[in-house]
PDB file of N, CA and C in Angstrom:
ATOM      1  N   MET A   1      24.621  17.216  28.872  1.00  0.00           N
ATOM      2  CA  MET A   1      24.887  17.645  27.500  1.00  0.00           C
ATOM      3  C   MET A   1      23.919  16.436  26.667  1.00  0.00           C
ATOM      4  N   GLY A   2      23.030  16.690  26.005  1.00  0.00           N
ATOM      5  CA  GLY A   2      22.738  15.920  24.628  1.00  0.00           C
ATOM      6  C   GLY A   2      24.044  15.647  23.616  1.00  0.00           C
ATOM      7  N   VAL A   3      23.881  14.594  23.112  1.00  0.00           N
ATOM      8  CA  VAL A   3      24.132  14.265  21.676  1.00  0.00           C
ATOM      9  C   VAL A   3      23.898  15.158  20.519  1.00  0.00           C
ATOM     10  N   LYS A   4      24.867  15.908  20.061  1.00  0.00           N
ATOM     11  CA  LYS A   4      24.437  16.691  18.721  1.00  0.00           C
ATOM     12  C   LYS A   4      24.319  15.649  17.440  1.00  0.00           C
ATOM     13  N   ARG A   5      23.297  15.932  16.815  1.00  0.00           N
ATOM     14  CA  ARG A   5      22.957  14.900  15.758  1.00  0.00           C
ATOM     15  C   ARG A   5      23.112  15.762  14.515  1.00  0.00           C
ATOM     16  N   ARG A   6      23.555  15.119  13.348  1.00  0.00           N
ATOM     17  CA  ARG A   6      23.734  15.819  12.199  1.00  0.00           C
ATOM     18  C   ARG A   6      22.717  14.919  11.225  1.00  0.00           C
ATOM     19  N   LYS A   7      21.933  15.456  10.207  1.00  0.00           N
ATOM     20  CA  LYS A   7      21.706  14.688   9.517  1.00  0.00           C
ATOM     21  C   LYS A   7      22.497  14.150   8.389  1.00  0.00           C
ATOM     22  N   HIS A   8      22.470  12.880   7.836  1.00  0.00           N
ATOM     23  CA  HIS A   8      22.893  12.828   6.363  1.00  0.00           C
ATOM     24  C   HIS A   8      22.554  13.285   5.206  1.00  0.00           C
ATOM     25  N   SER A   9      23.617  14.047   4.182  1.00  0.00           N
ATOM     26  CA  SER A   9      23.023  14.220   3.332  1.00  0.00           C
ATOM     27  C   SER A   9      22.227  13.340   2.482  1.00  0.00           C
ATOM     28  N   ARG A  10      21.857  14.181   0.965  1.00  0.00           N
ATOM     29  CA  ARG A  10      20.846  13.631   0.435  1.00  0.00           C
ATOM     30  C   ARG A  10      21.835  12.340  -0.473  1.00  0.00           C
ATOM     31  N   ALA A  11      22.834  12.872  -0.767  1.00  0.00           N
ATOM     32  CA  ALA A  11      23.672  11.900  -1.621  1.00  0.00           C
ATOM     33  C   ALA A  11      24.545  10.750  -0.669  1.00  0.00           C
ATOM     34  N   THR A  12      24.437  11.089   0.645  1.00  0.00           N
ATOM     35  CA  THR A  12      24.798  10.005   1.650  1.00  0.00           C
ATOM     36  C   THR A  12      23.643   8.994   1.677  1.00  0.00           C
ATOM     37  N   ARG A  13      22.216   9.508   1.700  1.00  0.00           N
ATOM     38  CA  ARG A  13      21.342   8.533   1.905  1.00  0.00           C
ATOM     39  C   ARG A  13      20.880   7.853   0.976  1.00  0.00           C
ATOM     40  N   LYS A  14      21.314   8.178  -0.419  1.00  0.00           N
ATOM     41  CA  LYS A  14      21.001   7.653  -1.675  1.00  0.00           C
ATOM     42  C   LYS A  14      22.027   6.270  -1.759  1.00  0.00           C
ATOM     43  N   LEU A  15      23.513   6.567  -1.120  1.00  0.00           N
ATOM     44  CA  LEU A  15      24.313   5.521  -1.177  1.00  0.00           C
ATOM     45  C   LEU A  15      24.011   4.423  -0.077  1.00  0.00           C
ATOM     46  N   MET A  16      23.279   5.120   1.171  1.00  0.00           N
ATOM     47  CA  MET A  16      23.040   4.022   1.712  1.00  0.00           C
ATOM     48  C   MET A  16      21.940   2.794   1.398  1.00  0.00           C
ATOM     49  N   SER A  17      21.062   3.834   0.708  1.00  0.00           N
ATOM     50  CA  SER A  17      19.911   2.981   0.024  1.00  0.00           C
ATOM     51  C   SER A  17      20.234   1.894  -0.705  1.00  0.00           C
ATOM     52  N   LEU A  18      21.508   2.208  -1.775  1.00  0.00           N
ATOM     53  CA  LEU A  18      21.513   1.257  -2.909  1.00  0.00           C
ATOM     54  C   LEU A  18      22.369   0.320  -2.247  1.00  0.00           C
ATOM     55  N   LYS A  19      23.074   0.395  -1.505  1.00  0.00           N
ATOM     56  CA  LYS A  19      23.958  -0.222  -0.672  1.00  0.00           C
ATOM     57  C   LYS A  19      23.068  -1.528   0.465  1.00  0.00           C
ATOM     58  N   ALA A  20      21.844  -1.161   0.275  1.00  0.00           N
ATOM     59  CA  ALA A  20      21.454  -2.215   1.224  1.00  0.00           C
ATOM     60  C   ALA A  20      19.828  -2.701   0.387  1.00  0.00           C
ATOM     61  N   LYS A  21      20.083  -2.538  -1.016  1.00  0.00           N
ATOM     62  CA  LYS A  21      18.983  -3.239  -1.649  1.00  0.00           C
ATOM     63  C   LYS A  21      19.263  -4.568  -2.452  1.00  0.00           C
ATOM     64  N   GLY A  22      18.421  -5.270  -2.276  1.00  0.00           N
ATOM     65  CA  GLY A  22      18.345  -6.588  -3.127  1.00  0.00           C
ATOM     66  C   GLY A  22      19.460  -7.476  -2.350  1.00  0.00           C
ATOM     67  N   LYS A  23      20.045  -8.137  -3.215  1.00  0.00           N
ATOM     68  CA  LYS A  23      21.113  -9.315  -2.508  1.00  0.00           C
ATOM     69  C   LYS A  23      21.831  -8.444  -1.559  1.00  0.00           C
ATOM     70  N   LYS A  24      22.311  -7.489  -1.529  1.00  0.00           N
ATOM     71  CA  LYS A  24      23.316  -6.770  -0.754  1.00  0.00           C
ATOM     72  C   LYS A  24      22.821  -6.491   0.818  1.00  0.00           C
ATOM     73  N   ASN A  25      21.345  -6.680   0.946  1.00  0.00           N
ATOM     74  CA  ASN A  25      20.563  -6.586   2.318  1.00  0.00           C
ATOM     75  C   ASN A  25      20.811  -7.824   3.013  1.00  0.00           C
ATOM     76  N   PRO A  26      21.411  -7.814   4.328  1.00  0.00           N
ATOM     77  CA  PRO A  26      21.666  -8.892   4.971  1.00  0.00           C
ATOM     78  C   PRO A  26      20.540  -9.922   5.265  1.00  0.00           C
ATOM     79  N   PHE A  27      19.366  -9.343   5.051  1.00  0.00           N
ATOM     80  CA  PHE A  27      18.046 -10.159   5.201  1.00  0.00           C
ATOM     81  C   PHE A  27      17.534 -10.537   4.057  1.00  0.00           C
ATOM     82  N   TYR A  28      18.142 -10.280   2.765  1.00  0.00           N
ATOM     83  CA  TYR A  28      17.568 -10.820   1.682  1.00  0.00           C
ATOM     84  C   TYR A  28      17.521 -12.140   1.456  1.00  0.00           C
ATOM     85  N   GLY A  29      16.178 -12.674   1.375  1.00  0.00           N
ATOM     86  CA  GLY A  29      15.890 -13.938   1.204  1.00  0.00           C
ATOM     87  C   GLY A  29      15.648 -14.859   2.081  1.00  0.00           C
ATOM     88  N   LYS A  30      15.582 -14.424   3.424  1.00  0.00           N
ATOM     89  CA  LYS A  30      15.136 -14.851   4.155  1.00  0.00           C
ATOM     90  C   LYS A  30      13.712 -14.351   4.950  1.00  0.00           C
ATOM     91  N   ARG A  31      13.712 -15.321   5.673  1.00  0.00           N
ATOM     92  CA  ARG A  31      11.921 -14.942   6.775  1.00  0.00           C
ATOM     93  C   ARG A  31      12.074 -15.226   8.070  1.00  0.00           C
ATOM     94  N   HIS A  32      11.452 -14.329   8.641  1.00  0.00           N
ATOM     95  CA  HIS A  32      11.067 -14.823   9.863  1.00  0.00           C
ATOM     96  C   HIS A  32      10.232 -15.977  10.400  1.00  0.00           C
ATOM     97  N   SER A  33      10.924 -16.568  11.273  1.00  0.00           N
ATOM     98  CA  SER A  33      10.008 -17.887  11.761  1.00  0.00           C
ATOM     99  C   SER A  33       8.829 -17.528  12.222  1.00  0.00           C
ATOM    100  N   SER A  34       7.882 -18.360  12.287  1.00  0.00           N
ATOM    101  CA  SER A  34       6.620 -18.217  13.080  1.00  0.00           C
ATOM    102  C   SER A  34       7.177 -17.814  14.508  1.00  0.00           C
ATOM    103  N   ARG A  35       8.087 -18.724  15.141  1.00  0.00           N
ATOM    104  CA  ARG A  35       8.366 -18.271  16.369  1.00  0.00           C
ATOM    105  C   ARG A  35       8.694 -16.995  16.729  1.00  0.00           C
ATOM    106  N   THR A  36       9.548 -16.457  15.833  1.00  0.00           N
ATOM    107  CA  THR A  36       9.965 -14.996  15.878  1.00  0.00           C
ATOM    108  C   THR A  36       9.067 -13.616  15.609  1.00  0.00           C
ATOM    109  N   LYS A  37       8.022 -14.354  14.711  1.00  0.00           N
ATOM    110  CA  LYS A  37       6.960 -13.683  14.408  1.00  0.00           C
ATOM    111  C   LYS A  37       6.074 -13.295  15.426  1.00  0.00           C
ATOM    112  N   ARG A  38       5.729 -14.747  16.267  1.00  0.00           N
ATOM    113  CA  ARG A  38       4.589 -14.719  17.506  1.00  0.00           C
ATOM    114  C   ARG A  38       5.595 -13.836  18.694  1.00  0.00           C
ATOM    115  N   LYS A  39       6.785 -13.932  18.714  1.00  0.00           N
ATOM    116  CA  LYS A  39       7.394 -13.116  19.798  1.00  0.00           C
ATOM    117  C   LYS A  39       7.198 -11.560  19.393  1.00  0.00           C
ATOM    118  N   GLN A  40       7.154 -10.834  18.421  1.00  0.00           N
ATOM    119  CA  GLN A  40       7.124  -9.773  17.831  1.00  0.00           C
ATOM    120  C   GLN A  40       5.808  -9.509  18.049  1.00  0.00           C
ATOM    121  N   ARG A  41       4.802 -10.407  18.081  1.00  0.00           N
ATOM    122  CA  ARG A  41       3.679  -9.802  17.895  1.00  0.00           C
ATOM    123  C   ARG A  41       3.148  -9.772  19.432  1.00  0.00           C
ATOM    124  N   LEU A  42       3.599 -10.580  20.344  1.00  0.00           N
ATOM    125  CA  LEU A  42       3.455 -10.107  21.646  1.00  0.00           C
ATOM    126  C   LEU A  42       3.888  -9.575  22.499  1.00  0.00           C
ATOM    127  N   ILE A  43       5.090  -8.860  22.006  1.00  0.00           N
ATOM    128  CA  ILE A  43       5.796  -7.535  22.407  1.00  0.00           C
ATOM    129  C   ILE A  43       5.046  -6.340  22.277  1.00  0.00           C
ATOM    130  N   LYS A  44       3.874  -6.149  20.872  1.00  0.00           N
ATOM    131  CA  LYS A  44       3.300  -4.979  20.956  1.00  0.00           C
ATOM    132  C   LYS A  44       1.946  -5.502  21.271  1.00  0.00           C
ATOM    133  N   LEU A  45       1.539  -6.049  22.165  1.00  0.00           N
ATOM    134  CA  LEU A  45       0.126  -6.497  22.113  1.00  0.00           C
ATOM    135  C   LEU A  45      -0.255  -5.850  23.247  1.00  0.00           C
ATOM    136  N   GLY A  46      -1.563  -5.321  23.298  1.00  0.00           N
ATOM    137  CA  GLY A  46      -2.320  -4.724  24.127  1.00  0.00           C
ATOM    138  C   GLY A  46      -1.864  -3.307  24.674  1.00  0.00           C
ATOM    139  N   SER A  47      -1.371  -3.266  25.817  1.00  0.00           N
ATOM    140  CA  SER A  47      -0.759  -1.966  26.599  1.00  0.00           C
ATOM    141  C   SER A  47       0.439  -1.529  26.310  1.00  0.00           C
ATOM    142  N   LYS A  48       1.187  -2.638  25.915  1.00  0.00           N
ATOM    143  CA  LYS A  48       2.699  -2.627  25.328  1.00  0.00           C
ATOM    144  C   LYS A  48       2.774  -1.600  23.650  1.00  0.00           C
ATOM    145  N   ASN A  49       1.683  -1.562  23.065  1.00  0.00           N
ATOM    146  CA  ASN A  49       1.551  -0.902  21.825  1.00  0.00           C
ATOM    147  C   ASN A  49       1.571   0.650  21.973  1.00  0.00           C
ATOM    148  N   PRO A  50       2.349   1.184  21.466  1.00  0.00           N
ATOM    149  CA  PRO A  50       2.566   2.977  21.195  1.00  0.00           C
ATOM    150  C   PRO A  50       1.106   3.756  21.099  1.00  0.00           C
ATOM    151  N   MET A  51       0.087   2.817  20.451  1.00  0.00           N
ATOM    152  CA  MET A  51      -1.190   3.329  20.015  1.00  0.00           C
ATOM    153  C   MET A  51      -2.133   3.074  20.963  1.00  0.00           C
ATOM    154  N   TYR A  52      -1.721   2.071  21.783  1.00  0.00           N
ATOM    155  CA  TYR A  52      -2.856   1.480  22.740  1.00  0.00           C
ATOM    156  C   TYR A  52      -3.691   2.526  23.471  1.00  0.00           C
ATOM    157  N   GLY A  53      -5.187   2.686  23.272  1.00  0.00           N
ATOM    158  CA  GLY A  53      -5.760   3.665  23.950  1.00  0.00           C
ATOM    159  C   GLY A  53      -6.081   4.799  23.336  1.00  0.00           C
ATOM    160  N   ARG A  54      -5.104   5.202  21.973  1.00  0.00           N
ATOM    161  CA  ARG A  54      -5.127   6.424  21.458  1.00  0.00           C
ATOM    162  C   ARG A  54      -5.986   6.510  20.105  1.00  0.00           C
ATOM    163  N   ARG A  55      -6.381   7.738  19.795  1.00  0.00           N
ATOM    164  CA  ARG A  55      -7.016   7.302  18.874  1.00  0.00           C
ATOM    165  C   ARG A  55      -6.581   8.343  17.409  1.00  0.00           C
ATOM    166  N   HIS A  56      -6.500   8.255  16.180  1.00  0.00           N
ATOM    167  CA  HIS A  56      -6.228   9.090  15.100  1.00  0.00           C
ATOM    168  C   HIS A  56      -6.763  10.209  15.159  1.00  0.00           C
ATOM    169  N   THR A  57      -6.497  11.190  14.745  1.00  0.00           N
ATOM    170  CA  THR A  57      -7.249  12.663  14.855  1.00  0.00           C
ATOM    171  C   THR A  57      -8.046  12.661  13.372  1.00  0.00           C
ATOM    172  N   THR A  58      -8.847  13.049  13.148  1.00  0.00           N
ATOM    173  CA  THR A  58      -9.597  13.457  12.054  1.00  0.00           C
ATOM    174  C   THR A  58      -8.513  13.834  10.791  1.00  0.00           C
ATOM    175  N   LYS A  59      -7.597  14.832  11.129  1.00  0.00           N
ATOM    176  CA  LYS A  59      -6.478  15.346  10.380  1.00  0.00           C
ATOM    177  C   LYS A  59      -5.714  14.270   9.950  1.00  0.00           C
ATOM    178  N   THR A  60      -5.190  13.314  10.747  1.00  0.00           N
ATOM    179  CA  THR A  60      -4.672  12.159  10.490  1.00  0.00           C
ATOM    180  C   THR A  60      -5.035  11.263   9.852  1.00  0.00           C
ATOM    181  N   LYS A  61      -6.700  10.852   9.954  1.00  0.00           N
ATOM    182  CA  LYS A  61      -7.156   9.820   9.216  1.00  0.00           C
ATOM    183  C   LYS A  61      -7.389  10.006   7.681  1.00  0.00           C
ATOM    184  N   ASN A  62      -7.566  11.625   7.496  1.00  0.00           N
ATOM    185  CA  ASN A  62      -7.793  11.907   6.077  1.00  0.00           C
ATOM    186  C   ASN A  62      -6.271  11.858   5.371  1.00  0.00           C
ATOM    187  N   LYS A  63      -5.167  12.208   6.097  1.00  0.00           N
ATOM    188  CA  LYS A  63      -3.996  11.837   5.705  1.00  0.00           C
ATOM    189  C   LYS A  63      -3.804  10.370   4.763  1.00  0.00           C
ATOM    190  N   ILE A  64      -4.248   9.700   5.898  1.00  0.00           N
ATOM    191  CA  ILE A  64      -4.140   8.207   5.511  1.00  0.00           C
ATOM    192  C   ILE A  64      -4.721   7.630   4.186  1.00  0.00           C
ATOM    193  N   ARG A  65      -5.980   8.333   4.602  1.00  0.00           N
ATOM    194  CA  ARG A  65      -6.801   8.093   3.135  1.00  0.00           C
ATOM    195  C   ARG A  65      -6.393   8.542   2.162  1.00  0.00           C
ATOM    196  N   ALA A  66      -5.794   9.724   1.988  1.00  0.00           N
ATOM    197  CA  ALA A  66      -5.300  10.548   0.768  1.00  0.00           C
ATOM    198  C   ALA A  66      -3.980   9.645   0.538  1.00  0.00           C
ATOM    199  N   ALA A  67      -3.223   9.302   1.232  1.00  0.00           N
ATOM    200  CA  ALA A  67      -2.061   8.157   0.984  1.00  0.00           C
ATOM    201  C   ALA A  67      -2.260   6.789   0.650  1.00  0.00           C
ATOM    202  N   LYS A  68      -3.582   6.276   0.454  1.00  0.00           N
ATOM    203  CA  LYS A  68      -4.008   5.144   0.216  1.00  0.00           C
ATOM    204  C   LYS A  68      -4.268   5.399  -1.243  1.00  0.00           C
ATOM    205  N   ARG A  69      -4.790   6.456  -1.889  1.00  0.00           N
ATOM    206  CA  ARG A  69      -5.321   6.634  -3.047  1.00  0.00           C
ATOM    207  C   ARG A  69      -4.326   6.568  -4.188  1.00  0.00           C
TER     208      ARG A  69
END
């Protein structure tokens, strides 16, 4: 049996969003160290990247183009 998941209501999502903005966010004002950034980069490098060896479809490319406008 899988876990039943319920979606948060719009009001709840809005509240969660407001509670994590600006100074209330635990990462606010902090930066990743160069060591951490290097570790994150290595985790997704090459075949470990979920898009490795895949290509965006023409439909997806058009969606990306439209979003950048």
